[in-house]
Amino acid sequence: MSTNDGRIPSSIDGTSGPNSGSTSAQLGYQLQSDTVQVCLDTVDEHRRGIITTSQATITLVKLLPDPTSTHALNRYTEKLDEID
């Protein structure tokens, strides 16, 4: 599943969108949006059997290494568990 269907956080820190501030805020939002898409793609690759649970988990940890992203990491790994 490569679209955000509302079950997984769409941003790491609650940024509301590209019109929420300065150019650097817009860049931050785009980076978050890109990260979310890669996380969703990782979950989808696992769902389709392309990668293992361990490979998906390692990818997610690399994408979300910051302690402030723990909630998002938990949500994505819950999705992996649901698939298994």
PDB file of N, CA and C in Angstrom:
ATOM      1  N   MET A   1       0.861  -1.163   0.000  1.00  0.00           N
ATOM      2  CA  MET A   1       0.000   0.000   0.000  1.00  0.00           C
ATOM      3  C   MET A   1       0.905   1.222   0.000  1.00  0.00           C
ATOM      4  N   SER A   2       0.812   2.054  -1.013  1.00  0.00           N
ATOM      5  CA  SER A   2       1.728   3.172  -1.101  1.00  0.00           C
ATOM      6  C   SER A   2       1.056   4.506  -0.813  1.00  0.00           C
ATOM      7  N   THR A   3      -0.179   4.499  -0.411  1.00  0.00           N
ATOM      8  CA  THR A   3      -0.831   5.743  -0.046  1.00  0.00           C
ATOM      9  C   THR A   3      -1.095   5.761   1.439  1.00  0.00           C
ATOM     10  N   ASN A   4      -1.142   6.948   1.997  1.00  0.00           N
ATOM     11  CA  ASN A   4      -1.401   7.073   3.422  1.00  0.00           C
ATOM     12  C   ASN A   4      -2.909   7.066   3.621  1.00  0.00           C
ATOM     13  N   ASP A   5      -3.419   5.965   4.175  1.00  0.00           N
ATOM     14  CA  ASP A   5      -4.856   5.820   4.342  1.00  0.00           C
ATOM     15  C   ASP A   5      -5.335   6.300   5.712  1.00  0.00           C
ATOM     16  N   GLY A   6      -4.486   7.050   6.402  1.00  0.00           N
ATOM     17  CA  GLY A   6      -4.885   7.614   7.676  1.00  0.00           C
ATOM     18  C   GLY A   6      -4.588   6.740   8.873  1.00  0.00           C
ATOM     19  N   ARG A   7      -4.125   5.513   8.650  1.00  0.00           N
ATOM     20  CA  ARG A   7      -3.842   4.626   9.774  1.00  0.00           C
ATOM     21  C   ARG A   7      -2.430   4.803  10.301  1.00  0.00           C
ATOM     22  N   ILE A   8      -1.563   5.452   9.526  1.00  0.00           N
ATOM     23  CA  ILE A   8      -0.182   5.660   9.919  1.00  0.00           C
ATOM     24  C   ILE A   8       0.067   7.161   9.933  1.00  0.00           C
ATOM     25  N   PRO A   9       0.816   7.666  10.905  1.00  0.00           N
ATOM     26  CA  PRO A   9       1.056   9.104  10.970  1.00  0.00           C
ATOM     27  C   PRO A   9       1.588   9.636   9.650  1.00  0.00           C
ATOM     28  N   SER A  10       1.070  10.794   9.223  1.00  0.00           N
ATOM     29  CA  SER A  10       1.514  11.355   7.958  1.00  0.00           C
ATOM     30  C   SER A  10       2.681  12.301   8.131  1.00  0.00           C
ATOM     31  N   SER A  11       3.038  12.629   9.354  1.00  0.00           N
ATOM     32  CA  SER A  11       4.242  13.415   9.586  1.00  0.00           C
ATOM     33  C   SER A  11       4.819  13.019  10.930  1.00  0.00           C
ATOM     34  N   ILE A  12       6.100  13.254  11.069  1.00  0.00           N
ATOM     35  CA  ILE A  12       6.789  12.836  12.277  1.00  0.00           C
ATOM     36  C   ILE A  12       6.539  13.810  13.419  1.00  0.00           C
ATOM     37  N   ASP A  13       6.585  15.121  13.148  1.00  0.00           N
ATOM     38  CA  ASP A  13       6.485  16.088  14.240  1.00  0.00           C
ATOM     39  C   ASP A  13       5.207  16.912  14.230  1.00  0.00           C
ATOM     40  N   GLY A  14       4.219  16.530  13.428  1.00  0.00           N
ATOM     41  CA  GLY A  14       2.945  17.236  13.430  1.00  0.00           C
ATOM     42  C   GLY A  14       2.900  18.438  12.519  1.00  0.00           C
ATOM     43  N   THR A  15       3.886  18.641  11.646  1.00  0.00           N
ATOM     44  CA  THR A  15       3.836  19.749  10.703  1.00  0.00           C
ATOM     45  C   THR A  15       2.565  19.612   9.886  1.00  0.00           C
ATOM     46  N   SER A  16       1.851  20.707   9.712  1.00  0.00           N
ATOM     47  CA  SER A  16       0.537  20.607   9.102  1.00  0.00           C
ATOM     48  C   SER A  16       0.540  20.678   7.592  1.00  0.00           C
ATOM     49  N   GLY A  17       1.605  21.096   6.966  1.00  0.00           N
ATOM     50  CA  GLY A  17       1.628  21.117   5.515  1.00  0.00           C
ATOM     51  C   GLY A  17       2.627  22.105   4.982  1.00  0.00           C
ATOM     52  N   PRO A  18       2.735  22.156   3.640  1.00  0.00           N
ATOM     53  CA  PRO A  18       3.745  23.001   3.029  1.00  0.00           C
ATOM     54  C   PRO A  18       3.503  24.495   3.220  1.00  0.00           C
ATOM     55  N   ASN A  19       2.317  24.900   3.598  1.00  0.00           N
ATOM     56  CA  ASN A  19       2.038  26.319   3.806  1.00  0.00           C
ATOM     57  C   ASN A  19       2.134  26.721   5.267  1.00  0.00           C
ATOM     58  N   SER A  20       2.828  25.918   6.052  1.00  0.00           N
ATOM     59  CA  SER A  20       2.842  26.151   7.489  1.00  0.00           C
ATOM     60  C   SER A  20       3.991  27.023   7.958  1.00  0.00           C
ATOM     61  N   GLY A  21       4.803  27.553   7.063  1.00  0.00           N
ATOM     62  CA  GLY A  21       5.894  28.397   7.527  1.00  0.00           C
ATOM     63  C   GLY A  21       6.834  28.787   6.420  1.00  0.00           C
ATOM     64  N   SER A  22       8.073  29.005   6.805  1.00  0.00           N
ATOM     65  CA  SER A  22       9.091  29.498   5.892  1.00  0.00           C
ATOM     66  C   SER A  22       9.531  28.426   4.906  1.00  0.00           C
ATOM     67  N   THR A  23      10.451  28.812   4.032  1.00  0.00           N
ATOM     68  CA  THR A  23      10.980  27.886   3.044  1.00  0.00           C
ATOM     69  C   THR A  23      11.644  26.689   3.712  1.00  0.00           C
ATOM     70  N   SER A  24      12.368  26.914   4.804  1.00  0.00           N
ATOM     71  CA  SER A  24      12.991  25.785   5.493  1.00  0.00           C
ATOM     72  C   SER A  24      11.932  24.869   6.085  1.00  0.00           C
ATOM     73  N   ALA A  25      10.818  25.418   6.540  1.00  0.00           N
ATOM     74  CA  ALA A  25       9.722  24.581   7.042  1.00  0.00           C
ATOM     75  C   ALA A  25       9.123  23.774   5.899  1.00  0.00           C
ATOM     76  N   GLN A  26       9.006  24.396   4.736  1.00  0.00           N
ATOM     77  CA  GLN A  26       8.489  23.689   3.566  1.00  0.00           C
ATOM     78  C   GLN A  26       9.421  22.550   3.180  1.00  0.00           C
ATOM     79  N   LEU A  27      10.721  22.808   3.211  1.00  0.00           N
ATOM     80  CA  LEU A  27      11.692  21.769   2.903  1.00  0.00           C
ATOM     81  C   LEU A  27      11.590  20.642   3.927  1.00  0.00           C
ATOM     82  N   GLY A  28      11.452  20.994   5.204  1.00  0.00           N
ATOM     83  CA  GLY A  28      11.303  19.984   6.252  1.00  0.00           C
ATOM     84  C   GLY A  28      10.075  19.135   6.031  1.00  0.00           C
ATOM     85  N   TYR A  29       8.973  19.772   5.632  1.00  0.00           N
ATOM     86  CA  TYR A  29       7.745  19.030   5.362  1.00  0.00           C
ATOM     87  C   TYR A  29       7.951  18.072   4.201  1.00  0.00           C
ATOM     88  N   GLN A  30       8.620  18.523   3.138  1.00  0.00           N
ATOM     89  CA  GLN A  30       8.858  17.671   1.979  1.00  0.00           C
ATOM     90  C   GLN A  30       9.718  16.474   2.373  1.00  0.00           C
ATOM     91  N   LEU A  31      10.745  16.721   3.188  1.00  0.00           N
ATOM     92  CA  LEU A  31      11.588  15.620   3.643  1.00  0.00           C
ATOM     93  C   LEU A  31      10.774  14.630   4.466  1.00  0.00           C
ATOM     94  N   GLN A  32       9.886  15.140   5.326  1.00  0.00           N
ATOM     95  CA  GLN A  32       9.032  14.261   6.127  1.00  0.00           C
ATOM     96  C   GLN A  32       8.094  13.479   5.223  1.00  0.00           C
ATOM     97  N   SER A  33       7.523  14.155   4.243  1.00  0.00           N
ATOM     98  CA  SER A  33       6.614  13.500   3.310  1.00  0.00           C
ATOM     99  C   SER A  33       7.340  12.392   2.554  1.00  0.00           C
ATOM    100  N   ASP A  34       8.561  12.663   2.128  1.00  0.00           N
ATOM    101  CA  ASP A  34       9.361  11.650   1.442  1.00  0.00           C
ATOM    102  C   ASP A  34       9.649  10.471   2.368  1.00  0.00           C
ATOM    103  N   THR A  35       9.972  10.762   3.626  1.00  0.00           N
ATOM    104  CA  THR A  35      10.251   9.705   4.600  1.00  0.00           C
ATOM    105  C   THR A  35       9.012   8.857   4.830  1.00  0.00           C
ATOM    106  N   VAL A  36       7.881   9.491   4.974  1.00  0.00           N
ATOM    107  CA  VAL A  36       6.623   8.753   5.172  1.00  0.00           C
ATOM    108  C   VAL A  36       6.374   7.837   3.984  1.00  0.00           C
ATOM    109  N   GLN A  37       6.587   8.341   2.778  1.00  0.00           N
ATOM    110  CA  GLN A  37       6.351   7.519   1.589  1.00  0.00           C
ATOM    111  C   GLN A  37       7.282   6.317   1.553  1.00  0.00           C
ATOM    112  N   VAL A  38       8.550   6.514   1.890  1.00  0.00           N
ATOM    113  CA  VAL A  38       9.496   5.393   1.904  1.00  0.00           C
ATOM    114  C   VAL A  38       9.098   4.381   2.979  1.00  0.00           C
ATOM    115  N   CYS A  39       8.637   4.863   4.129  1.00  0.00           N
ATOM    116  CA  CYS A  39       8.170   3.946   5.186  1.00  0.00           C
ATOM    117  C   CYS A  39       6.971   3.137   4.708  1.00  0.00           C
ATOM    118  N   LEU A  40       6.019   3.795   4.083  1.00  0.00           N
ATOM    119  CA  LEU A  40       4.846   3.099   3.554  1.00  0.00           C
ATOM    120  C   LEU A  40       5.248   2.092   2.480  1.00  0.00           C
ATOM    121  N   ASP A  41       6.186   2.468   1.628  1.00  0.00           N
ATOM    122  CA  ASP A  41       6.661   1.555   0.595  1.00  0.00           C
ATOM    123  C   ASP A  41       7.357   0.347   1.205  1.00  0.00           C
ATOM    124  N   THR A  42       8.089   0.568   2.284  1.00  0.00           N
ATOM    125  CA  THR A  42       8.772  -0.524   2.976  1.00  0.00           C
ATOM    126  C   THR A  42       7.755  -1.519   3.532  1.00  0.00           C
ATOM    127  N   VAL A  43       6.709  -1.013   4.171  1.00  0.00           N
ATOM    128  CA  VAL A  43       5.651  -1.888   4.702  1.00  0.00           C
ATOM    129  C   VAL A  43       4.996  -2.656   3.552  1.00  0.00           C
ATOM    130  N   ASP A  44       4.770  -1.981   2.441  1.00  0.00           N
ATOM    131  CA  ASP A  44       4.153  -2.620   1.282  1.00  0.00           C
ATOM    132  C   ASP A  44       5.056  -3.707   0.696  1.00  0.00           C
ATOM    133  N   GLU A  45       6.353  -3.435   0.629  1.00  0.00           N
ATOM    134  CA  GLU A  45       7.281  -4.457   0.130  1.00  0.00           C
ATOM    135  C   GLU A  45       7.250  -5.703   1.014  1.00  0.00           C
ATOM    136  N   HIS A  46       7.128  -5.494   2.309  1.00  0.00           N
ATOM    137  CA  HIS A  46       7.013  -6.641   3.221  1.00  0.00           C
ATOM    138  C   HIS A  46       5.695  -7.379   2.984  1.00  0.00           C
ATOM    139  N   ARG A  47       4.630  -6.622   2.833  1.00  0.00           N
ATOM    140  CA  ARG A  47       3.314  -7.236   2.597  1.00  0.00           C
ATOM    141  C   ARG A  47       3.334  -8.100   1.340  1.00  0.00           C
ATOM    142  N   ARG A  48       4.043  -7.650   0.318  1.00  0.00           N
ATOM    143  CA  ARG A  48       4.114  -8.387  -0.945  1.00  0.00           C
ATOM    144  C   ARG A  48       5.161  -9.499  -0.926  1.00  0.00           C
ATOM    145  N   GLY A  49       5.881  -9.648   0.183  1.00  0.00           N
ATOM    146  CA  GLY A  49       6.853 -10.720   0.307  1.00  0.00           C
ATOM    147  C   GLY A  49       8.196 -10.435  -0.337  1.00  0.00           C
ATOM    148  N   ILE A  50       8.444  -9.189  -0.678  1.00  0.00           N
ATOM    149  CA  ILE A  50       9.702  -8.812  -1.318  1.00  0.00           C
ATOM    150  C   ILE A  50      10.834  -8.765  -0.298  1.00  0.00           C
ATOM    151  N   ILE A  51      10.521  -8.308   0.920  1.00  0.00           N
ATOM    152  CA  ILE A  51      11.516  -8.249   1.989  1.00  0.00           C
ATOM    153  C   ILE A  51      10.949  -8.903   3.239  1.00  0.00           C
ATOM    154  N   THR A  52      11.845  -9.343   4.100  1.00  0.00           N
ATOM    155  CA  THR A  52      11.436  -9.997   5.345  1.00  0.00           C
ATOM    156  C   THR A  52      11.066  -8.955   6.399  1.00  0.00           C
ATOM    157  N   THR A  53      10.486  -9.415   7.480  1.00  0.00           N
ATOM    158  CA  THR A  53      10.160  -8.534   8.606  1.00  0.00           C
ATOM    159  C   THR A  53      11.423  -7.869   9.131  1.00  0.00           C
ATOM    160  N   SER A  54      12.493  -8.638   9.257  1.00  0.00           N
ATOM    161  CA  SER A  54      13.754  -8.076   9.758  1.00  0.00           C
ATOM    162  C   SER A  54      14.299  -7.001   8.833  1.00  0.00           C
ATOM    163  N   GLN A  55      14.268  -7.249   7.536  1.00  0.00           N
ATOM    164  CA  GLN A  55      14.750  -6.250   6.583  1.00  0.00           C
ATOM    165  C   GLN A  55      13.910  -4.977   6.654  1.00  0.00           C
ATOM    166  N   ALA A  56      12.594  -5.149   6.759  1.00  0.00           N
ATOM    167  CA  ALA A  56      11.707  -3.988   6.850  1.00  0.00           C
ATOM    168  C   ALA A  56      11.978  -3.209   8.132  1.00  0.00           C
ATOM    169  N   THR A  57      12.144  -3.911   9.228  1.00  0.00           N
ATOM    170  CA  THR A  57      12.402  -3.256  10.507  1.00  0.00           C
ATOM    171  C   THR A  57      13.705  -2.474  10.473  1.00  0.00           C
ATOM    172  N   ILE A  58      14.750  -3.071   9.924  1.00  0.00           N
ATOM    173  CA  ILE A  58      16.035  -2.375   9.820  1.00  0.00           C
ATOM    174  C   ILE A  58      15.895  -1.119   8.972  1.00  0.00           C
ATOM    175  N   THR A  59      15.186  -1.212   7.871  1.00  0.00           N
ATOM    176  CA  THR A  59      14.969  -0.051   7.016  1.00  0.00           C
ATOM    177  C   THR A  59      14.234   1.053   7.771  1.00  0.00           C
ATOM    178  N   LEU A  60      13.179   0.679   8.505  1.00  0.00           N
ATOM    179  CA  LEU A  60      12.407   1.671   9.258  1.00  0.00           C
ATOM    180  C   LEU A  60      13.250   2.328  10.342  1.00  0.00           C
ATOM    181  N   VAL A  61      14.072   1.553  11.028  1.00  0.00           N
ATOM    182  CA  VAL A  61      14.933   2.117  12.075  1.00  0.00           C
ATOM    183  C   VAL A  61      15.923   3.110  11.464  1.00  0.00           C
ATOM    184  N   LYS A  62      16.440   2.794  10.300  1.00  0.00           N
ATOM    185  CA  LYS A  62      17.369   3.710   9.625  1.00  0.00           C
ATOM    186  C   LYS A  62      16.657   4.987   9.175  1.00  0.00           C
ATOM    187  N   LEU A  63      15.407   4.854   8.768  1.00  0.00           N
ATOM    188  CA  LEU A  63      14.644   6.019   8.313  1.00  0.00           C
ATOM    189  C   LEU A  63      14.172   6.887   9.471  1.00  0.00           C
ATOM    190  N   LEU A  64      13.959   6.286  10.645  1.00  0.00           N
ATOM    191  CA  LEU A  64      13.391   6.982  11.798  1.00  0.00           C
ATOM    192  C   LEU A  64      14.292   6.822  13.024  1.00  0.00           C
ATOM    193  N   PRO A  65      15.557   7.277  12.940  1.00  0.00           N
ATOM    194  CA  PRO A  65      16.494   7.035  14.034  1.00  0.00           C
ATOM    195  C   PRO A  65      16.348   7.983  15.216  1.00  0.00           C
ATOM    196  N   ASP A  66      15.705   9.108  15.009  1.00  0.00           N
ATOM    197  CA  ASP A  66      15.601  10.141  16.034  1.00  0.00           C
ATOM    198  C   ASP A  66      14.639   9.711  17.132  1.00  0.00           C
ATOM    199  N   PRO A  67      14.994   9.934  18.396  1.00  0.00           N
ATOM    200  CA  PRO A  67      14.088   9.555  19.496  1.00  0.00           C
ATOM    201  C   PRO A  67      12.699  10.185  19.380  1.00  0.00           C
ATOM    202  N   THR A  68      12.576  11.330  18.722  1.00  0.00           N
ATOM    203  CA  THR A  68      11.259  11.958  18.574  1.00  0.00           C
ATOM    204  C   THR A  68      10.383  11.211  17.575  1.00  0.00           C
ATOM    205  N   SER A  69      10.970  10.289  16.826  1.00  0.00           N
ATOM    206  CA  SER A  69      10.186   9.540  15.846  1.00  0.00           C
ATOM    207  C   SER A  69       9.778   8.155  16.358  1.00  0.00           C
ATOM    208  N   THR A  70       9.929   7.922  17.638  1.00  0.00           N
ATOM    209  CA  THR A  70       9.611   6.619  18.227  1.00  0.00           C
ATOM    210  C   THR A  70       8.147   6.235  17.995  1.00  0.00           C
ATOM    211  N   HIS A  71       7.235   7.182  18.134  1.00  0.00           N
ATOM    212  CA  HIS A  71       5.811   6.883  17.936  1.00  0.00           C
ATOM    213  C   HIS A  71       5.560   6.410  16.502  1.00  0.00           C
ATOM    214  N   ALA A  72       6.132   7.114  15.545  1.00  0.00           N
ATOM    215  CA  ALA A  72       5.951   6.719  14.145  1.00  0.00           C
ATOM    216  C   ALA A  72       6.568   5.348  13.898  1.00  0.00           C
ATOM    217  N   LEU A  73       7.752   5.109  14.432  1.00  0.00           N
ATOM    218  CA  LEU A  73       8.403   3.811  14.270  1.00  0.00           C
ATOM    219  C   LEU A  73       7.527   2.696  14.851  1.00  0.00           C
ATOM    220  N   ASN A  74       6.948   2.936  16.008  1.00  0.00           N
ATOM    221  CA  ASN A  74       6.051   1.947  16.613  1.00  0.00           C
ATOM    222  C   ASN A  74       4.855   1.653  15.716  1.00  0.00           C
ATOM    223  N   ARG A  75       4.290   2.689  15.127  1.00  0.00           N
ATOM    224  CA  ARG A  75       3.118   2.499  14.257  1.00  0.00           C
ATOM    225  C   ARG A  75       3.472   1.672  13.024  1.00  0.00           C
ATOM    226  N   TYR A  76       4.621   1.963  12.413  1.00  0.00           N
ATOM    227  CA  TYR A  76       5.022   1.200  11.225  1.00  0.00           C
ATOM    228  C   TYR A  76       5.332  -0.251  11.575  1.00  0.00           C
ATOM    229  N   THR A  77       5.996  -0.484  12.700  1.00  0.00           N
ATOM    230  CA  THR A  77       6.300  -1.870  13.079  1.00  0.00           C
ATOM    231  C   THR A  77       5.027  -2.621  13.476  1.00  0.00           C
ATOM    232  N   GLU A  78       4.035  -1.916  14.006  1.00  0.00           N
ATOM    233  CA  GLU A  78       2.736  -2.553  14.267  1.00  0.00           C
ATOM    234  C   GLU A  78       2.123  -3.038  12.961  1.00  0.00           C
ATOM    235  N   LYS A  79       2.268  -2.270  11.905  1.00  0.00           N
ATOM    236  CA  LYS A  79       1.753  -2.670  10.598  1.00  0.00           C
ATOM    237  C   LYS A  79       2.464  -3.930  10.112  1.00  0.00           C
ATOM    238  N   LEU A  80       3.774  -4.008  10.355  1.00  0.00           N
ATOM    239  CA  LEU A  80       4.519  -5.220   9.985  1.00  0.00           C
ATOM    240  C   LEU A  80       3.981  -6.423  10.751  1.00  0.00           C
ATOM    241  N   ASP A  81       3.715  -6.234  12.046  1.00  0.00           N
ATOM    242  CA  ASP A  81       3.172  -7.315  12.866  1.00  0.00           C
ATOM    243  C   ASP A  81       1.803  -7.768  12.372  1.00  0.00           C
ATOM    244  N   GLU A  82       0.983  -6.813  11.937  1.00  0.00           N
ATOM    245  CA  GLU A  82      -0.342  -7.163  11.422  1.00  0.00           C
ATOM    246  C   GLU A  82      -0.231  -8.034  10.169  1.00  0.00           C
ATOM    247  N   ILE A  83       0.780  -7.769   9.360  1.00  0.00           N
ATOM    248  CA  ILE A  83       0.973  -8.552   8.144  1.00  0.00           C
ATOM    249  C   ILE A  83       1.380  -9.975   8.492  1.00  0.00           C
ATOM    250  N   ASP A  84       2.272 -10.098   9.480  1.00  0.00           N
ATOM    251  CA  ASP A  84       2.741 -11.422   9.890  1.00  0.00           C
ATOM    252  C   ASP A  84       1.624 -12.173  10.565  1.00  0.00           C
TER     253      ASP A  84
END
